[in-house]
Amino acid sequence: MLSFTAGSLFPSPTSLGAKVTINPMFLWDIPSVRSRIGLNFVADLGSSFGSLPISGIGLSAVFYPLGLSSSREVNEDLSVLIKHRISPYLQLQVTPVKCSISTATSFSTINPNAAYFSAMVIETSAGLGLDYPMGDDLLAFLGLHYRFAAFTSQETTTGAIKYSGIELLLGIMTNFF
């Protein structure tokens, strides 16, 4: 669950309250360094501060200390072996995100008591997890990640914008070779 602060608008940590966070990734295997790198998209959906308060596209790197969880290898006789194994990972994501927070209940009328702000911040996410093979080219993963971002502004109302939180991720991954 993420919590944020924003200058005098939200001076104490306030829970974002997003109902779900999606984080699809498109990664390329680099077996020589036991890693995957690629692009990710992150979006927090369904918050009381807006339907899409945080979203962005960035870069991901995943390191597997014990080797990739899935791979295909060609033997000397040119037969292809599909290898799957349970494998822990370490992950780092750097994502420029748009952080848009609003307390307005309707945009059809002007509310002088509503708070609005939007900022571009660099979000960093670091975590660890475990890939578990479920069949040919299908893996489940479970991860624990820490997300954080900060932006300092000279604007007196929003001032420094910060958010952070720990997330438990559960998902599926498929491979195409």
Protein backbone atom coordinates (compact mmCIF):
# COMPACT_ATOMS: atom_id res chain seq x y z
CA MET A 1 0.00 0.00 0.00
CA LEU A 2 1.43 3.35 -1.06
CA SER A 3 1.23 6.46 1.08
CA PHE A 4 2.13 9.97 -0.09
CA THR A 5 2.80 13.50 1.14
CA ALA A 6 2.57 16.73 -0.87
CA GLY A 7 3.53 19.99 0.80
CA SER A 8 0.72 21.79 2.62
CA LEU A 9 -2.00 19.94 0.65
CA PHE A 10 -1.17 16.59 2.28
CA PRO A 11 1.43 17.31 5.00
CA SER A 12 1.14 13.93 6.75
CA PRO A 13 1.39 10.50 5.04
CA THR A 14 -1.91 9.71 3.33
CA SER A 15 -2.79 6.28 1.92
CA LEU A 16 -3.29 6.27 -1.85
CA GLY A 17 -5.85 3.47 -1.42
CA ALA A 18 -5.52 2.05 -4.95
CA LYS A 19 -7.64 -1.06 -5.37
CA VAL A 20 -5.15 -2.74 -7.72
CA THR A 21 -1.72 -2.12 -9.18
CA ILE A 22 -0.87 -3.55 -12.59
CA ASN A 23 2.71 -4.00 -13.70
CA PRO A 24 3.07 -5.80 -17.06
CA MET A 25 6.62 -6.23 -18.35
CA PHE A 26 8.19 -7.14 -21.67
CA LEU A 27 11.59 -8.67 -20.89
CA TRP A 28 14.41 -10.17 -22.94
CA ASP A 29 16.46 -13.05 -21.54
CA ILE A 30 20.22 -12.56 -21.22
CA PRO A 31 21.34 -16.03 -20.07
CA SER A 32 25.07 -15.17 -20.04
CA VAL A 33 24.50 -12.88 -17.04
CA ARG A 34 21.46 -14.75 -15.58
CA SER A 35 19.22 -11.74 -16.20
CA ARG A 36 16.23 -10.33 -18.00
CA ILE A 37 15.91 -6.67 -19.01
CA GLY A 38 13.18 -4.73 -20.72
CA LEU A 39 10.23 -2.39 -20.42
CA ASN A 40 7.56 -2.17 -17.76
CA PHE A 41 4.30 -0.31 -17.29
CA VAL A 42 2.99 0.53 -13.84
CA ALA A 43 -0.49 1.82 -12.98
CA ASP A 44 -2.36 2.18 -9.72
CA LEU A 45 -6.10 1.93 -10.38
CA GLY A 46 -9.24 2.80 -8.45
CA SER A 47 -8.10 5.21 -5.77
CA SER A 48 -10.31 7.71 -3.98
CA PHE A 49 -7.83 10.32 -5.35
CA GLY A 50 -8.59 9.46 -8.98
CA SER A 51 -9.17 6.47 -11.22
CA LEU A 52 -5.52 6.45 -12.38
CA PRO A 53 -3.44 8.44 -9.85
CA ILE A 54 -0.06 6.93 -10.81
CA SER A 55 0.99 5.59 -14.22
CA GLY A 56 4.14 5.35 -16.31
CA ILE A 57 6.44 3.35 -18.59
CA GLY A 58 10.02 2.53 -17.58
CA LEU A 59 12.91 0.08 -17.53
CA SER A 60 13.21 -3.22 -15.62
CA ALA A 61 16.13 -5.44 -14.77
CA VAL A 62 15.73 -8.85 -13.14
CA PHE A 63 18.72 -10.83 -11.85
CA TYR A 64 18.50 -14.56 -11.08
CA PRO A 65 21.39 -15.53 -8.74
CA LEU A 66 20.80 -19.27 -9.34
CA GLY A 67 20.13 -18.97 -13.07
CA LEU A 68 17.08 -18.12 -15.18
CA SER A 69 13.83 -19.84 -14.21
CA SER A 70 13.17 -20.93 -17.81
CA SER A 71 15.39 -21.46 -20.80
CA ARG A 72 15.80 -23.44 -23.99
CA GLU A 73 19.12 -25.03 -24.78
CA VAL A 74 20.33 -26.75 -27.92
CA ASN A 75 22.28 -30.00 -27.42
CA GLU A 76 25.16 -31.21 -29.57
CA ASP A 77 22.71 -33.39 -31.51
CA LEU A 78 20.63 -30.22 -32.22
CA SER A 79 17.73 -31.30 -30.02
CA VAL A 80 16.12 -28.50 -28.03
CA LEU A 81 15.68 -28.85 -24.28
CA ILE A 82 13.16 -26.77 -22.37
CA LYS A 83 14.36 -26.20 -18.83
CA HIS A 84 12.19 -24.84 -16.01
CA ARG A 85 13.10 -24.55 -12.35
CA ILE A 86 12.11 -22.70 -9.23
CA SER A 87 14.35 -19.66 -9.12
CA PRO A 88 14.64 -16.64 -6.81
CA TYR A 89 15.15 -13.19 -8.33
CA LEU A 90 16.15 -9.63 -7.51
CA GLN A 91 14.43 -6.87 -9.46
CA LEU A 92 14.95 -3.16 -10.05
CA GLN A 93 12.60 -0.85 -11.96
CA VAL A 94 13.09 2.81 -12.80
CA THR A 95 9.94 4.41 -14.15
CA PRO A 96 9.05 8.03 -14.95
CA VAL A 97 5.44 8.29 -13.74
CA LYS A 98 2.70 10.87 -13.77
CA CYS A 99 1.37 11.34 -10.26
CA SER A 100 -2.07 13.01 -10.40
CA ILE A 101 -3.95 13.47 -7.15
CA SER A 102 -7.40 15.04 -6.84
CA THR A 103 -9.88 15.27 -3.97
CA ALA A 104 -12.64 16.61 -6.24
CA THR A 105 -15.77 14.49 -6.40
CA SER A 106 -16.91 16.04 -9.67
CA PHE A 107 -15.16 18.03 -12.37
CA SER A 108 -18.40 19.57 -13.66
CA THR A 109 -18.43 22.17 -10.88
CA ILE A 110 -15.64 24.24 -9.36
CA ASN A 111 -14.91 23.27 -5.76
CA PRO A 112 -12.65 25.76 -3.93
CA ASN A 113 -11.98 23.21 -1.16
CA ALA A 114 -10.72 20.50 -3.53
CA ALA A 115 -7.01 19.78 -3.82
CA TYR A 116 -5.45 19.02 -7.20
CA PHE A 117 -1.90 18.42 -8.29
CA SER A 118 -0.05 16.60 -11.02
CA ALA A 119 3.68 15.98 -11.21
CA MET A 120 6.15 13.91 -13.19
CA VAL A 121 8.35 11.92 -10.79
CA ILE A 122 10.89 9.13 -11.14
CA GLU A 123 9.68 6.02 -9.33
CA THR A 124 12.13 3.35 -8.24
CA SER A 125 11.02 -0.13 -7.28
CA ALA A 126 13.33 -2.74 -5.78
CA GLY A 127 12.28 -6.21 -4.79
CA LEU A 128 12.85 -9.90 -4.55
CA GLY A 129 10.74 -12.87 -5.39
CA LEU A 130 10.43 -16.41 -6.63
CA ASP A 131 9.47 -17.86 -10.03
CA TYR A 132 7.64 -21.20 -9.98
CA PRO A 133 7.18 -23.29 -13.15
CA MET A 134 3.58 -24.32 -13.89
CA GLY A 135 4.00 -25.93 -17.30
CA ASP A 136 5.62 -25.39 -20.68
CA ASP A 137 6.33 -21.68 -21.07
CA LEU A 138 4.16 -20.71 -18.07
CA LEU A 139 5.49 -19.60 -14.69
CA ALA A 140 3.91 -18.13 -11.58
CA PHE A 141 5.79 -15.54 -9.56
CA LEU A 142 5.49 -14.12 -6.08
CA GLY A 143 7.39 -10.96 -5.16
CA LEU A 144 7.82 -8.40 -2.42
CA HIS A 145 8.72 -4.95 -3.74
CA TYR A 146 9.41 -1.53 -2.22
CA ARG A 147 8.28 1.42 -4.39
CA PHE A 148 9.36 5.00 -3.75
CA ALA A 149 9.50 8.37 -5.49
CA ALA A 150 10.30 11.95 -4.53
CA PHE A 151 10.13 15.30 -6.27
CA THR A 152 11.12 18.64 -4.78
CA SER A 153 9.37 21.76 -5.99
CA GLN A 154 9.64 25.45 -5.13
CA GLU A 155 5.83 25.61 -5.34
CA THR A 156 4.58 26.46 -1.84
CA THR A 157 1.31 24.53 -1.99
CA THR A 158 2.57 21.14 -3.17
CA GLY A 159 6.21 21.52 -2.09
CA ALA A 160 7.98 18.19 -1.97
CA ILE A 161 5.95 15.28 -3.35
CA LYS A 162 6.90 11.88 -1.97
CA TYR A 163 5.37 8.44 -1.92
CA SER A 164 6.49 5.01 -0.85
CA GLY A 165 5.13 1.62 0.07
CA ILE A 166 5.62 -2.13 0.08
CA GLU A 167 3.69 -4.33 -2.34
CA LEU A 168 3.11 -8.04 -2.59
CA LEU A 169 3.01 -9.09 -6.24
CA LEU A 170 1.43 -12.26 -7.59
CA GLY A 171 1.29 -12.99 -11.28
CA ILE A 172 1.99 -15.21 -14.25
CA MET A 173 4.74 -15.05 -16.82
CA THR A 174 4.94 -16.65 -20.21
CA ASN A 175 8.00 -17.21 -22.38
CA PHE A 176 8.42 -17.13 -26.13
CA PHE A 177 11.66 -18.43 -27.60
